[in-house]
Amino acid sequence: MNPTWLTIVVAVIGVLGTLSAGWLTGRRADRATNADRAARQLEEERSLKRATYADVLRTARTLDRRVAASRSATELDDVLEQLLSAASHVELLSPELASGLLSTVIDLAERLVDLAKRRPATNEVIDETRADYTSALDDLTHRLHTEISPPSPH
């Protein structure tokens, strides 16, 4: 016959084992849930950024095409206003980006529209400004792409 204390120890160990197994299973489930939630949140943020950045780039390219096509001052003002509106959304998502490359693109866009409204579109100054604008827009495009899809650490 076994001593009473041995029976009690075995019973306590059995109860503790059962409780700890449930606790460990719950922790694993919580970790998996948190990881899924974080992945969904990251994808939602990327999706929002992708849509916002695409709007800025689309509007910026439209502005360039309208300047090249010698559109009316009203059309140029409208597309510039659309660009400023789209840029304000980027400022909310990424303030450092808005104060850097995007600010440069906006400044050049405003200058380009001002020049296009005052001079013919074949003017050499407009051509130079368009080249600067296109270059800044290419830099911005690259930066936006990098921000949406950062390089994977290997």
C-alpha atoms as a PDB file:
ATOM      1  CA  MET A   1       0.000   0.000   0.000  1.00  0.00           C
ATOM      2  CA  ASN A   2       1.206   3.506  -0.905  1.00  0.00           C
ATOM      3  CA  PRO A   3       1.591   6.206   1.695  1.00  0.00           C
ATOM      4  CA  THR A   4      -1.141   8.861   1.734  1.00  0.00           C
ATOM      5  CA  TRP A   5       1.260  11.700   1.037  1.00  0.00           C
ATOM      6  CA  LEU A   6       2.356  10.033  -2.211  1.00  0.00           C
ATOM      7  CA  THR A   7      -1.242   9.814  -3.401  1.00  0.00           C
ATOM      8  CA  ILE A   8      -1.766  13.506  -2.599  1.00  0.00           C
ATOM      9  CA  VAL A   9       1.449  14.538  -4.426  1.00  0.00           C
ATOM     10  CA  VAL A  10       0.461  12.545  -7.505  1.00  0.00           C
ATOM     11  CA  ALA A  11      -3.011  14.112  -7.466  1.00  0.00           C
ATOM     12  CA  VAL A  12      -1.600  17.650  -7.095  1.00  0.00           C
ATOM     13  CA  ILE A  13       0.901  17.062  -9.909  1.00  0.00           C
ATOM     14  CA  GLY A  14      -1.884  15.737 -12.136  1.00  0.00           C
ATOM     15  CA  VAL A  15      -4.074  18.809 -11.467  1.00  0.00           C
ATOM     16  CA  LEU A  16      -1.154  21.217 -11.983  1.00  0.00           C
ATOM     17  CA  GLY A  17      -0.199  19.439 -15.207  1.00  0.00           C
ATOM     18  CA  THR A  18      -3.731  19.732 -16.539  1.00  0.00           C
ATOM     19  CA  LEU A  19      -3.997  23.427 -15.573  1.00  0.00           C
ATOM     20  CA  SER A  20      -0.584  24.327 -17.013  1.00  0.00           C
ATOM     21  CA  ALA A  21      -1.390  22.552 -20.308  1.00  0.00           C
ATOM     22  CA  GLY A  22      -4.535  24.659 -20.637  1.00  0.00           C
ATOM     23  CA  TRP A  23      -2.607  27.804 -19.773  1.00  0.00           C
ATOM     24  CA  LEU A  24       0.132  27.069 -22.332  1.00  0.00           C
ATOM     25  CA  THR A  25      -2.439  26.313 -25.017  1.00  0.00           C
ATOM     26  CA  GLY A  26      -4.166  29.624 -24.274  1.00  0.00           C
ATOM     27  CA  ARG A  27      -0.881  31.524 -24.525  1.00  0.00           C
ATOM     28  CA  ARG A  28      -0.106  29.958 -27.884  1.00  0.00           C
ATOM     29  CA  ALA A  29      -3.568  30.848 -29.154  1.00  0.00           C
ATOM     30  CA  ASP A  30      -3.147  34.441 -27.918  1.00  0.00           C
ATOM     31  CA  ARG A  31       0.207  34.748 -29.663  1.00  0.00           C
ATOM     32  CA  ALA A  32      -1.219  33.388 -32.900  1.00  0.00           C
ATOM     33  CA  THR A  33      -4.198  35.750 -32.674  1.00  0.00           C
ATOM     34  CA  ASN A  34      -1.939  38.736 -31.983  1.00  0.00           C
ATOM     35  CA  ALA A  35       0.334  37.809 -34.878  1.00  0.00           C
ATOM     36  CA  ASP A  36      -2.662  37.508 -37.230  1.00  0.00           C
ATOM     37  CA  ARG A  37      -4.040  40.841 -36.014  1.00  0.00           C
ATOM     38  CA  ALA A  38      -0.673  42.543 -36.530  1.00  0.00           C
ATOM     39  CA  ALA A  39      -0.354  41.082 -40.041  1.00  0.00           C
ATOM     40  CA  ARG A  40      -3.867  42.266 -40.953  1.00  0.00           C
ATOM     41  CA  GLN A  41      -3.171  45.730 -39.564  1.00  0.00           C
ATOM     42  CA  LEU A  42       0.096  45.971 -41.509  1.00  0.00           C
ATOM     43  CA  GLU A  43      -1.661  44.921 -44.715  1.00  0.00           C
ATOM     44  CA  GLU A  44      -4.436  47.470 -44.131  1.00  0.00           C
ATOM     45  CA  GLU A  45      -1.841  50.213 -43.592  1.00  0.00           C
ATOM     46  CA  ARG A  46      -0.011  49.190 -46.760  1.00  0.00           C
ATOM     47  CA  SER A  47      -3.267  49.159 -48.695  1.00  0.00           C
ATOM     48  CA  LEU A  48      -4.175  52.640 -47.448  1.00  0.00           C
ATOM     49  CA  LYS A  49      -0.716  53.955 -48.274  1.00  0.00           C
ATOM     50  CA  ARG A  50      -0.789  52.294 -51.686  1.00  0.00           C
ATOM     51  CA  ALA A  51      -4.101  53.961 -52.573  1.00  0.00           C
ATOM     52  CA  THR A  52      -3.053  57.340 -51.202  1.00  0.00           C
ATOM     53  CA  TYR A  53       0.348  57.310 -52.884  1.00  0.00           C
ATOM     54  CA  ALA A  54      -1.144  56.137 -56.179  1.00  0.00           C
ATOM     55  CA  ASP A  55      -3.549  59.086 -56.072  1.00  0.00           C
ATOM     56  CA  VAL A  56      -0.663  61.524 -55.602  1.00  0.00           C
ATOM     57  CA  LEU A  57       1.397  60.000 -58.407  1.00  0.00           C
ATOM     58  CA  ARG A  58      -1.555  59.808 -60.798  1.00  0.00           C
ATOM     59  CA  THR A  59      -2.453  63.454 -60.158  1.00  0.00           C
ATOM     60  CA  ALA A  60       1.162  64.587 -60.440  1.00  0.00           C
ATOM     61  CA  ARG A  61       1.539  62.870 -63.814  1.00  0.00           C
ATOM     62  CA  THR A  62      -1.763  64.347 -64.993  1.00  0.00           C
ATOM     63  CA  LEU A  63      -0.431  67.791 -64.130  1.00  0.00           C
ATOM     64  CA  ASP A  64       2.685  67.206 -66.209  1.00  0.00           C
ATOM     65  CA  ARG A  65       0.637  66.008 -69.183  1.00  0.00           C
ATOM     66  CA  ARG A  66      -1.673  69.019 -68.975  1.00  0.00           C
ATOM     67  CA  VAL A  67       1.236  71.443 -68.867  1.00  0.00           C
ATOM     68  CA  ALA A  68       2.761  69.703 -71.890  1.00  0.00           C
ATOM     69  CA  ALA A  69      -0.555  69.951 -73.739  1.00  0.00           C
ATOM     70  CA  SER A  70      -0.820  73.691 -72.999  1.00  0.00           C
ATOM     71  CA  ARG A  71      -4.134  73.391 -71.171  1.00  0.00           C
ATOM     72  CA  SER A  72      -6.076  76.374 -69.881  1.00  0.00           C
ATOM     73  CA  ALA A  73      -5.204  78.130 -66.645  1.00  0.00           C
ATOM     74  CA  THR A  74      -8.418  76.822 -65.075  1.00  0.00           C
ATOM     75  CA  GLU A  75      -7.570  73.201 -65.904  1.00  0.00           C
ATOM     76  CA  LEU A  76      -4.053  73.633 -64.545  1.00  0.00           C
ATOM     77  CA  ASP A  77      -5.362  75.222 -61.347  1.00  0.00           C
ATOM     78  CA  ASP A  78      -7.862  72.382 -60.926  1.00  0.00           C
ATOM     79  CA  VAL A  79      -5.280  69.624 -61.266  1.00  0.00           C
ATOM     80  CA  LEU A  80      -2.866  71.520 -58.994  1.00  0.00           C
ATOM     81  CA  GLU A  81      -5.629  71.725 -56.380  1.00  0.00           C
ATOM     82  CA  GLN A  82      -6.206  67.971 -56.754  1.00  0.00           C
ATOM     83  CA  LEU A  83      -2.491  67.369 -56.249  1.00  0.00           C
ATOM     84  CA  LEU A  84      -2.445  69.518 -53.117  1.00  0.00           C
ATOM     85  CA  SER A  85      -5.448  67.644 -51.769  1.00  0.00           C
ATOM     86  CA  ALA A  86      -3.871  64.258 -52.449  1.00  0.00           C
ATOM     87  CA  ALA A  87      -0.616  65.445 -50.882  1.00  0.00           C
ATOM     88  CA  SER A  88      -2.424  66.438 -47.695  1.00  0.00           C
ATOM     89  CA  HIS A  89      -3.457  62.807 -47.229  1.00  0.00           C
ATOM     90  CA  VAL A  90       0.182  61.725 -47.540  1.00  0.00           C
ATOM     91  CA  GLU A  91       1.092  64.276 -44.895  1.00  0.00           C
ATOM     92  CA  LEU A  92      -1.235  62.510 -42.458  1.00  0.00           C
ATOM     93  CA  LEU A  93       0.252  59.087 -43.226  1.00  0.00           C
ATOM     94  CA  SER A  94       3.901  60.064 -43.488  1.00  0.00           C
ATOM     95  CA  PRO A  95       4.843  63.577 -42.285  1.00  0.00           C
ATOM     96  CA  GLU A  96       8.569  63.113 -42.939  1.00  0.00           C
ATOM     97  CA  LEU A  97       7.853  62.181 -46.548  1.00  0.00           C
ATOM     98  CA  ALA A  98       5.572  65.187 -46.983  1.00  0.00           C
ATOM     99  CA  SER A  99       8.232  67.569 -45.714  1.00  0.00           C
ATOM    100  CA  GLY A 100      10.878  66.039 -47.980  1.00  0.00           C
ATOM    101  CA  LEU A 101      10.436  64.744 -51.515  1.00  0.00           C
ATOM    102  CA  LEU A 102       6.715  65.456 -51.730  1.00  0.00           C
ATOM    103  CA  SER A 103       7.304  69.070 -50.733  1.00  0.00           C
ATOM    104  CA  THR A 104       9.822  69.385 -53.557  1.00  0.00           C
ATOM    105  CA  VAL A 105       7.338  67.947 -56.058  1.00  0.00           C
ATOM    106  CA  ILE A 106       4.614  70.329 -54.834  1.00  0.00           C
ATOM    107  CA  ASP A 107       6.918  73.359 -55.067  1.00  0.00           C
ATOM    108  CA  LEU A 108       7.929  72.421 -58.604  1.00  0.00           C
ATOM    109  CA  ALA A 109       4.292  71.755 -59.558  1.00  0.00           C
ATOM    110  CA  GLU A 110       3.252  75.188 -58.338  1.00  0.00           C
ATOM    111  CA  ARG A 111       6.134  76.798 -60.235  1.00  0.00           C
ATOM    112  CA  LEU A 112       5.332  74.800 -63.344  1.00  0.00           C
ATOM    113  CA  VAL A 113       1.668  75.832 -63.306  1.00  0.00           C
ATOM    114  CA  ASP A 114       2.618  79.450 -62.713  1.00  0.00           C
ATOM    115  CA  LEU A 115       5.057  79.408 -65.642  1.00  0.00           C
ATOM    116  CA  ALA A 116       2.632  77.571 -67.913  1.00  0.00           C
ATOM    117  CA  LYS A 117      -0.093  80.142 -67.214  1.00  0.00           C
ATOM    118  CA  ARG A 118       2.220  83.054 -68.024  1.00  0.00           C
ATOM    119  CA  ARG A 119       4.202  81.686 -70.983  1.00  0.00           C
ATOM    120  CA  PRO A 120       3.761  79.287 -73.897  1.00  0.00           C
ATOM    121  CA  ALA A 121       4.469  75.646 -73.110  1.00  0.00           C
ATOM    122  CA  THR A 122       7.443  75.557 -75.464  1.00  0.00           C
ATOM    123  CA  ASN A 123       9.333  78.058 -73.355  1.00  0.00           C
ATOM    124  CA  GLU A 124      12.818  76.874 -72.346  1.00  0.00           C
ATOM    125  CA  VAL A 125      12.233  77.711 -68.678  1.00  0.00           C
ATOM    126  CA  ILE A 126       9.115  75.535 -68.651  1.00  0.00           C
ATOM    127  CA  ASP A 127      11.040  72.693 -70.278  1.00  0.00           C
ATOM    128  CA  GLU A 128      13.753  72.910 -67.615  1.00  0.00           C
ATOM    129  CA  THR A 129      11.184  73.075 -64.834  1.00  0.00           C
ATOM    130  CA  ARG A 130       9.348  70.087 -66.318  1.00  0.00           C
ATOM    131  CA  ALA A 131      12.623  68.145 -66.369  1.00  0.00           C
ATOM    132  CA  ASP A 132      13.236  69.017 -62.696  1.00  0.00           C
ATOM    133  CA  TYR A 133       9.630  68.111 -61.886  1.00  0.00           C
ATOM    134  CA  THR A 134       9.892  64.761 -63.665  1.00  0.00           C
ATOM    135  CA  SER A 135      13.136  63.962 -61.878  1.00  0.00           C
ATOM    136  CA  ALA A 136      11.667  64.855 -58.470  1.00  0.00           C
ATOM    137  CA  LEU A 137       8.570  62.813 -59.299  1.00  0.00           C
ATOM    138  CA  ASP A 138      10.742  59.803 -60.210  1.00  0.00           C
ATOM    139  CA  ASP A 139      12.577  60.133 -56.879  1.00  0.00           C
ATOM    140  CA  LEU A 140       9.258  60.379 -55.057  1.00  0.00           C
ATOM    141  CA  THR A 141       7.922  57.323 -56.895  1.00  0.00           C
ATOM    142  CA  HIS A 142      10.949  55.291 -55.861  1.00  0.00           C
ATOM    143  CA  ARG A 143      10.645  56.423 -52.231  1.00  0.00           C
ATOM    144  CA  LEU A 144       6.913  55.661 -52.123  1.00  0.00           C
ATOM    145  CA  HIS A 145       7.517  52.216 -53.574  1.00  0.00           C
ATOM    146  CA  THR A 146      10.199  51.567 -50.957  1.00  0.00           C
ATOM    147  CA  GLU A 147       7.894  52.726 -48.177  1.00  0.00           C
ATOM    148  CA  ILE A 148       5.052  50.465 -49.294  1.00  0.00           C
ATOM    149  CA  SER A 149       7.266  47.431 -49.892  1.00  0.00           C
ATOM    150  CA  PRO A 150      10.392  47.765 -47.772  1.00  0.00           C
ATOM    151  CA  PRO A 151      13.260  45.442 -48.653  1.00  0.00           C
ATOM    152  CA  SER A 152      13.019  42.174 -46.758  1.00  0.00           C
ATOM    153  CA  PRO A 153      15.823  41.598 -44.255  1.00  0.00           C
ATOM    154  CA  HIS A 154      17.880  38.583 -45.270  1.00  0.00           C
END
